[in-house]
Amino acid sequence: MDFLSALFAIVVIDLVLAGDNAVVIALAARNLPKHLQRRAVVWGALGAVLVRASLTVAVLWLLQVPGLMLAGGVALVWIAYRLLAGADAGGDHGDVAPAGSFWAAMRTIVIADAVMGLDNVLGVAGAAEGSALLVVLGLVISIPIVVWGSTLILRWIERLPALLYVGGAVLAWTAAKMIADEPLYEAWLDVRPGLKALLFFATVAGVLGAAWLRNRKDKEVLQ
């Protein structure tokens, strides 16, 4: 059950964060001839996933260093908030120039995705709980999501904004788990289940509440 729940968390994270990949791929390939666009989308996504898999495995190793699990969890809290508050955690897509050739598009897609992939890498690494198998399975699942499903997912989120909050809650929960699993104090926290539960509740509720208040304030300003 732990394995399946972790895999589910990885899939949800991939679903929520797949939009950036779709935008980068579309921008990079938009000037290619029609017969090359589909090829650039498929191979560009595969290349980006391979790069992201390598980065995630590296992060899994780095998170074994004392203190970095806590740092990664705090960073993921901020990423979850930025996602829900409408800010673009992945960066500005406007600087992704259209490519004039197939290989130029491939290079643009892979480099841009690697630079923008911190949110996904941290989220997947935190949810994987040190399992490279979960990382691989999650990324394999993400390939069709990125290539074929991103546009549909974006439409779903536009029609049902609550889906974005579900994904943000999963990210916040993953962040809380990373913070709780920090080796420097994990044993101390494990014998205080009430404090540990409070950490999870405060993290998820804090992210969702802060993002909701920010979005409400932005709406009032626009009105």
Foldseek 3Di string as FASTA:
>chain_A
DLLVVLLVLLQLLLLLPLQVLQLLLCQQAVQEPPVLSLVLLQLLLVLQLVLLLVVLLVVLVVLVPFPVLLVLLVVLLVVLLCLLLVHDQQDDSPPNHYDDDSVSSSVSSNVSSNSRVSNSSSSSSLSNNSDSVSSVVSSVVSSCCNRPNNVVSVVVCVVPVVSSLVSSLSSQLSSLSSNCPRPVCVVVVVVVVVVSVVSSVCSSCVSSVVSVVSNVVVVVVVD
